[in-house]
Amino acid sequence: MIKSHHFSAILPVSQAVYQWTDQDFLKLLKTLVQQVGLNTVGEMAIAFQPQGMSAVVLLEESHVALHFWPEESKVSVDIHVCDFQHNNYEKAEQLTHLLTLHLSSSDHCDDWHHLSLIR
């Protein structure tokens, strides 16, 4: 049996985020993924013209995707992890807190939605 956890949010961004490049977003994702104990196996980031960007980190456990809309002052984040070899719920939940602290003008995680599935 495999259990999977999906967290998603659209967060307000802090002013500091407006100065970041697509590589800054990617570096943040990789650093925080490693900090919580998940395993990066691939990555990609792209900046859009005239504005915005997307960054994705592929995980051994699944993925983390981030999309920044500066014209809306919002960032959407999608975290999906599976429990194939370990229970990764707490790691994913910790990642929601860290991403909120680093990206948002808010320090609480009320904007996150969570869904767990058993396959």
N, C-alpha and C. Protein backbone atom coordinates (compact mmCIF):
# COMPACT_ATOMS: atom_id res chain seq x y z
N MET A 1 0.85 -1.17 0.00
CA MET A 1 0.00 0.00 0.00
C MET A 1 0.90 1.24 0.00
N ILE A 2 0.57 2.19 -0.88
CA ILE A 2 1.30 3.45 -0.95
C ILE A 2 0.36 4.57 -0.54
N LYS A 3 0.82 5.40 0.37
CA LYS A 3 0.05 6.56 0.77
C LYS A 3 0.73 7.79 0.17
N SER A 4 -0.06 8.72 -0.34
CA SER A 4 0.53 9.93 -0.90
C SER A 4 -0.13 11.15 -0.27
N HIS A 5 0.65 12.22 -0.16
CA HIS A 5 0.22 13.45 0.48
C HIS A 5 0.39 14.60 -0.50
N HIS A 6 -0.68 15.36 -0.67
CA HIS A 6 -0.64 16.49 -1.58
C HIS A 6 -1.00 17.75 -0.80
N PHE A 7 -0.08 18.71 -0.80
CA PHE A 7 -0.30 20.02 -0.19
C PHE A 7 -0.26 21.06 -1.30
N SER A 8 -1.18 22.01 -1.25
CA SER A 8 -1.17 23.09 -2.23
C SER A 8 -1.62 24.38 -1.57
N ALA A 9 -1.10 25.50 -2.10
CA ALA A 9 -1.47 26.81 -1.57
C ALA A 9 -1.20 27.88 -2.61
N ILE A 10 -1.94 28.96 -2.50
CA ILE A 10 -1.63 30.20 -3.20
C ILE A 10 -1.35 31.20 -2.10
N LEU A 11 -0.10 31.67 -2.06
CA LEU A 11 0.36 32.51 -0.96
C LEU A 11 0.63 33.94 -1.42
N PRO A 12 0.39 34.92 -0.55
CA PRO A 12 0.84 36.28 -0.84
C PRO A 12 2.37 36.30 -0.70
N VAL A 13 3.05 37.07 -1.56
CA VAL A 13 4.51 37.09 -1.51
C VAL A 13 5.04 38.30 -0.76
N SER A 14 6.21 38.13 -0.16
CA SER A 14 6.89 39.24 0.49
C SER A 14 7.59 40.08 -0.57
N GLN A 15 7.91 41.31 -0.24
CA GLN A 15 8.55 42.22 -1.19
C GLN A 15 9.91 41.70 -1.66
N ALA A 16 10.63 40.99 -0.81
CA ALA A 16 11.95 40.47 -1.18
C ALA A 16 11.89 39.54 -2.38
N VAL A 17 10.80 38.81 -2.53
CA VAL A 17 10.65 37.82 -3.60
C VAL A 17 10.70 38.47 -4.99
N TYR A 18 10.27 39.70 -5.09
CA TYR A 18 10.25 40.39 -6.38
C TYR A 18 11.64 40.56 -6.99
N GLN A 19 12.66 40.50 -6.17
CA GLN A 19 14.04 40.66 -6.64
C GLN A 19 14.68 39.33 -7.06
N TRP A 20 14.02 38.22 -6.82
CA TRP A 20 14.60 36.91 -7.09
C TRP A 20 14.53 36.55 -8.57
N THR A 21 15.52 35.76 -8.99
CA THR A 21 15.52 35.18 -10.34
C THR A 21 14.91 33.78 -10.26
N ASP A 22 14.69 33.18 -11.42
CA ASP A 22 14.19 31.80 -11.43
C ASP A 22 15.17 30.87 -10.72
N GLN A 23 16.46 31.15 -10.82
CA GLN A 23 17.46 30.31 -10.14
C GLN A 23 17.42 30.48 -8.63
N ASP A 24 17.04 31.67 -8.14
CA ASP A 24 16.88 31.87 -6.70
C ASP A 24 15.73 31.02 -6.16
N PHE A 25 14.62 30.96 -6.91
CA PHE A 25 13.50 30.12 -6.50
C PHE A 25 13.91 28.65 -6.49
N LEU A 26 14.63 28.23 -7.51
CA LEU A 26 15.07 26.84 -7.60
C LEU A 26 16.03 26.50 -6.46
N LYS A 27 16.94 27.40 -6.16
CA LYS A 27 17.89 27.18 -5.05
C LYS A 27 17.14 27.04 -3.73
N LEU A 28 16.13 27.89 -3.51
CA LEU A 28 15.34 27.80 -2.30
C LEU A 28 14.65 26.45 -2.20
N LEU A 29 14.00 26.02 -3.28
CA LEU A 29 13.31 24.72 -3.26
C LEU A 29 14.28 23.59 -2.93
N LYS A 30 15.42 23.56 -3.61
CA LYS A 30 16.39 22.47 -3.39
C LYS A 30 16.93 22.49 -1.96
N THR A 31 17.21 23.67 -1.44
CA THR A 31 17.74 23.79 -0.08
C THR A 31 16.72 23.30 0.95
N LEU A 32 15.48 23.74 0.81
CA LEU A 32 14.45 23.35 1.78
C LEU A 32 14.08 21.88 1.67
N VAL A 33 14.05 21.35 0.44
CA VAL A 33 13.79 19.92 0.24
C VAL A 33 14.85 19.10 0.97
N GLN A 34 16.11 19.48 0.80
CA GLN A 34 17.19 18.77 1.48
C GLN A 34 17.08 18.93 3.00
N GLN A 35 16.73 20.12 3.45
CA GLN A 35 16.64 20.41 4.88
C GLN A 35 15.60 19.52 5.57
N VAL A 36 14.50 19.23 4.90
CA VAL A 36 13.46 18.40 5.52
C VAL A 36 13.70 16.90 5.33
N GLY A 37 14.71 16.54 4.54
CA GLY A 37 15.06 15.14 4.40
C GLY A 37 14.46 14.44 3.20
N LEU A 38 14.00 15.20 2.20
CA LEU A 38 13.53 14.61 0.95
C LEU A 38 14.68 14.61 -0.05
N ASN A 39 14.52 13.92 -1.19
CA ASN A 39 15.64 13.69 -2.09
C ASN A 39 15.35 14.20 -3.51
N THR A 40 16.11 15.22 -3.92
CA THR A 40 15.98 15.78 -5.26
C THR A 40 16.63 14.86 -6.29
N VAL A 41 15.92 14.61 -7.41
CA VAL A 41 16.48 13.81 -8.50
C VAL A 41 16.50 14.57 -9.83
N GLY A 42 15.86 15.74 -9.87
CA GLY A 42 15.83 16.56 -11.08
C GLY A 42 15.30 17.94 -10.77
N GLU A 43 15.52 18.88 -11.70
CA GLU A 43 15.09 20.25 -11.46
C GLU A 43 14.94 21.01 -12.77
N MET A 44 14.10 22.05 -12.74
CA MET A 44 13.97 22.93 -13.88
C MET A 44 13.33 24.23 -13.40
N ALA A 45 13.78 25.34 -13.98
CA ALA A 45 13.18 26.64 -13.70
C ALA A 45 13.17 27.44 -14.99
N ILE A 46 12.16 28.28 -15.13
CA ILE A 46 12.06 29.11 -16.32
C ILE A 46 11.42 30.44 -15.94
N ALA A 47 12.00 31.51 -16.48
CA ALA A 47 11.43 32.85 -16.32
C ALA A 47 10.62 33.18 -17.56
N PHE A 48 9.47 33.79 -17.37
CA PHE A 48 8.59 34.16 -18.47
C PHE A 48 8.69 35.66 -18.74
N GLN A 49 8.46 36.04 -19.98
CA GLN A 49 8.48 37.45 -20.35
C GLN A 49 7.06 37.92 -20.59
N PRO A 50 6.64 39.01 -20.06
CA PRO A 50 7.47 40.02 -19.42
C PRO A 50 7.71 39.77 -17.94
N GLN A 51 7.00 38.81 -17.33
CA GLN A 51 7.19 38.56 -15.89
C GLN A 51 6.69 37.18 -15.52
N GLY A 52 7.06 36.75 -14.32
CA GLY A 52 6.63 35.46 -13.80
C GLY A 52 7.67 34.38 -13.98
N MET A 53 7.48 33.29 -13.29
CA MET A 53 8.41 32.17 -13.41
C MET A 53 7.81 30.93 -12.80
N SER A 54 8.38 29.79 -13.19
CA SER A 54 8.02 28.49 -12.63
C SER A 54 9.29 27.74 -12.29
N ALA A 55 9.24 26.99 -11.21
CA ALA A 55 10.35 26.13 -10.81
C ALA A 55 9.78 24.80 -10.32
N VAL A 56 10.43 23.72 -10.72
CA VAL A 56 9.99 22.38 -10.33
C VAL A 56 11.20 21.58 -9.87
N VAL A 57 11.04 20.92 -8.75
CA VAL A 57 12.05 19.99 -8.25
C VAL A 57 11.40 18.61 -8.24
N LEU A 58 11.97 17.71 -9.01
CA LEU A 58 11.49 16.32 -9.00
C LEU A 58 12.15 15.62 -7.82
N LEU A 59 11.35 14.89 -7.10
CA LEU A 59 11.83 14.20 -5.90
C LEU A 59 11.80 12.70 -6.11
N GLU A 60 12.65 12.02 -5.40
CA GLU A 60 12.55 10.57 -5.34
C GLU A 60 11.16 10.19 -4.84
N GLU A 61 10.58 11.08 -4.01
CA GLU A 61 9.27 10.85 -3.41
C GLU A 61 8.12 11.44 -4.24
N SER A 62 8.37 12.29 -5.21
CA SER A 62 7.42 12.85 -6.18
C SER A 62 7.90 14.22 -6.67
N HIS A 63 7.28 15.35 -6.22
CA HIS A 63 7.68 16.66 -6.77
C HIS A 63 7.25 17.83 -5.88
N VAL A 64 7.90 18.99 -6.16
CA VAL A 64 7.49 20.28 -5.62
C VAL A 64 7.51 21.25 -6.79
N ALA A 65 6.40 21.96 -7.00
CA ALA A 65 6.31 22.93 -8.09
C ALA A 65 5.90 24.28 -7.52
N LEU A 66 6.47 25.33 -8.09
CA LEU A 66 6.21 26.69 -7.64
C LEU A 66 5.99 27.57 -8.86
N HIS A 67 4.98 28.44 -8.81
CA HIS A 67 4.69 29.37 -9.90
C HIS A 67 4.48 30.75 -9.30
N PHE A 68 5.24 31.73 -9.78
CA PHE A 68 5.18 33.09 -9.26
C PHE A 68 4.52 34.02 -10.26
N TRP A 69 3.47 34.73 -9.80
CA TRP A 69 2.78 35.73 -10.60
C TRP A 69 3.00 37.09 -9.95
N PRO A 70 4.03 37.83 -10.35
CA PRO A 70 4.30 39.12 -9.71
C PRO A 70 3.17 40.12 -9.89
N GLU A 71 2.47 40.07 -11.03
CA GLU A 71 1.38 41.02 -11.26
C GLU A 71 0.21 40.80 -10.30
N GLU A 72 0.13 39.62 -9.71
CA GLU A 72 -0.91 39.30 -8.73
C GLU A 72 -0.38 39.27 -7.30
N SER A 73 0.94 39.43 -7.14
CA SER A 73 1.60 39.34 -5.82
C SER A 73 1.33 38.00 -5.16
N LYS A 74 1.33 36.94 -5.98
CA LYS A 74 1.00 35.59 -5.49
C LYS A 74 2.01 34.56 -5.98
N VAL A 75 2.16 33.52 -5.21
CA VAL A 75 2.93 32.35 -5.61
C VAL A 75 2.07 31.12 -5.30
N SER A 76 1.98 30.22 -6.25
CA SER A 76 1.28 28.96 -5.98
C SER A 76 2.34 27.88 -5.78
N VAL A 77 2.06 27.01 -4.83
CA VAL A 77 3.00 25.93 -4.50
C VAL A 77 2.23 24.62 -4.45
N ASP A 78 2.83 23.60 -5.04
CA ASP A 78 2.26 22.27 -5.07
C ASP A 78 3.33 21.30 -4.56
N ILE A 79 3.03 20.60 -3.49
CA ILE A 79 3.94 19.60 -2.91
C ILE A 79 3.22 18.26 -2.95
N HIS A 80 3.87 17.28 -3.56
CA HIS A 80 3.29 15.94 -3.59
C HIS A 80 4.38 14.96 -3.18
N VAL A 81 4.13 14.20 -2.13
CA VAL A 81 5.09 13.18 -1.69
C VAL A 81 4.37 11.87 -1.43
N CYS A 82 5.08 10.79 -1.67
CA CYS A 82 4.56 9.44 -1.44
C CYS A 82 5.28 8.81 -0.26
N ASP A 83 4.64 7.85 0.36
CA ASP A 83 5.20 7.12 1.49
C ASP A 83 5.72 5.74 1.06
N PHE A 84 6.31 5.63 -0.10
CA PHE A 84 6.72 4.33 -0.62
C PHE A 84 7.62 3.58 0.34
N GLN A 85 8.70 4.21 0.82
CA GLN A 85 9.62 3.52 1.74
C GLN A 85 9.58 4.09 3.16
N HIS A 86 9.09 5.33 3.29
CA HIS A 86 9.04 6.00 4.60
C HIS A 86 7.77 6.83 4.68
N ASN A 87 7.34 7.10 5.90
CA ASN A 87 6.23 8.02 6.09
C ASN A 87 6.79 9.44 5.91
N ASN A 88 6.37 10.11 4.85
CA ASN A 88 6.91 11.43 4.52
C ASN A 88 5.93 12.57 4.81
N TYR A 89 4.85 12.27 5.50
CA TYR A 89 3.86 13.31 5.80
C TYR A 89 4.49 14.47 6.57
N GLU A 90 5.21 14.18 7.64
CA GLU A 90 5.79 15.24 8.45
C GLU A 90 6.82 16.06 7.68
N LYS A 91 7.55 15.43 6.78
CA LYS A 91 8.52 16.15 5.95
C LYS A 91 7.81 17.13 5.03
N ALA A 92 6.72 16.67 4.42
CA ALA A 92 5.95 17.55 3.53
C ALA A 92 5.32 18.69 4.31
N GLU A 93 4.79 18.38 5.48
CA GLU A 93 4.19 19.42 6.31
C GLU A 93 5.23 20.45 6.74
N GLN A 94 6.40 19.98 7.11
CA GLN A 94 7.49 20.90 7.48
C GLN A 94 7.87 21.79 6.30
N LEU A 95 7.87 21.21 5.11
CA LEU A 95 8.18 21.98 3.90
C LEU A 95 7.15 23.09 3.68
N THR A 96 5.87 22.84 3.98
CA THR A 96 4.86 23.90 3.85
C THR A 96 5.18 25.07 4.76
N HIS A 97 5.60 24.78 5.98
CA HIS A 97 5.94 25.85 6.93
C HIS A 97 7.15 26.64 6.46
N LEU A 98 8.19 25.95 6.02
CA LEU A 98 9.41 26.63 5.58
C LEU A 98 9.17 27.47 4.33
N LEU A 99 8.42 26.94 3.38
CA LEU A 99 8.12 27.71 2.17
C LEU A 99 7.28 28.94 2.50
N THR A 100 6.33 28.80 3.41
CA THR A 100 5.52 29.95 3.82
C THR A 100 6.41 31.03 4.42
N LEU A 101 7.32 30.64 5.29
CA LEU A 101 8.22 31.61 5.93
C LEU A 101 9.13 32.32 4.93
N HIS A 102 9.63 31.59 3.93
CA HIS A 102 10.57 32.17 2.97
C HIS A 102 9.91 32.96 1.85
N LEU A 103 8.69 32.63 1.49
CA LEU A 103 8.05 33.24 0.33
C LEU A 103 7.00 34.28 0.66
N SER A 104 6.33 34.10 1.76
CA SER A 104 5.10 34.84 1.99
C SER A 104 5.28 36.04 2.91
N SER A 105 4.35 36.93 2.77
CA SER A 105 4.29 38.06 3.69
C SER A 105 3.56 37.65 4.97
N SER A 106 3.20 36.38 5.05
CA SER A 106 2.50 35.83 6.21
C SER A 106 3.37 34.75 6.84
N ASP A 107 3.25 34.55 8.14
CA ASP A 107 4.02 33.49 8.79
C ASP A 107 3.14 32.34 9.27
N HIS A 108 1.87 32.32 8.87
CA HIS A 108 1.00 31.21 9.25
C HIS A 108 0.61 30.42 8.00
N CYS A 109 0.21 29.19 8.21
CA CYS A 109 -0.02 28.26 7.10
C CYS A 109 -1.49 27.99 6.84
N ASP A 110 -2.34 28.96 7.10
CA ASP A 110 -3.78 28.76 6.91
C ASP A 110 -4.18 28.60 5.45
N ASP A 111 -3.33 29.04 4.52
CA ASP A 111 -3.67 28.99 3.10
C ASP A 111 -3.43 27.62 2.46
N TRP A 112 -2.84 26.68 3.20
CA TRP A 112 -2.50 25.36 2.65
C TRP A 112 -3.70 24.43 2.69
N HIS A 113 -3.83 23.64 1.62
CA HIS A 113 -4.84 22.58 1.56
C HIS A 113 -4.10 21.24 1.51
N HIS A 114 -4.68 20.23 2.14
CA HIS A 114 -4.02 18.93 2.21
C HIS A 114 -4.98 17.82 1.83
N LEU A 115 -4.46 16.87 1.07
CA LEU A 115 -5.22 15.68 0.69
C LEU A 115 -4.29 14.48 0.79
N SER A 116 -4.70 13.44 1.48
CA SER A 116 -3.95 12.19 1.53
C SER A 116 -4.73 11.11 0.80
N LEU A 117 -4.01 10.31 0.04
CA LEU A 117 -4.62 9.22 -0.70
C LEU A 117 -3.91 7.91 -0.39
N ILE A 118 -4.64 6.85 -0.35
CA ILE A 118 -4.06 5.52 -0.17
C ILE A 118 -4.28 4.76 -1.46
N ARG A 119 -3.19 4.24 -2.03
CA ARG A 119 -3.28 3.47 -3.27
C ARG A 119 -2.87 2.05 -3.01
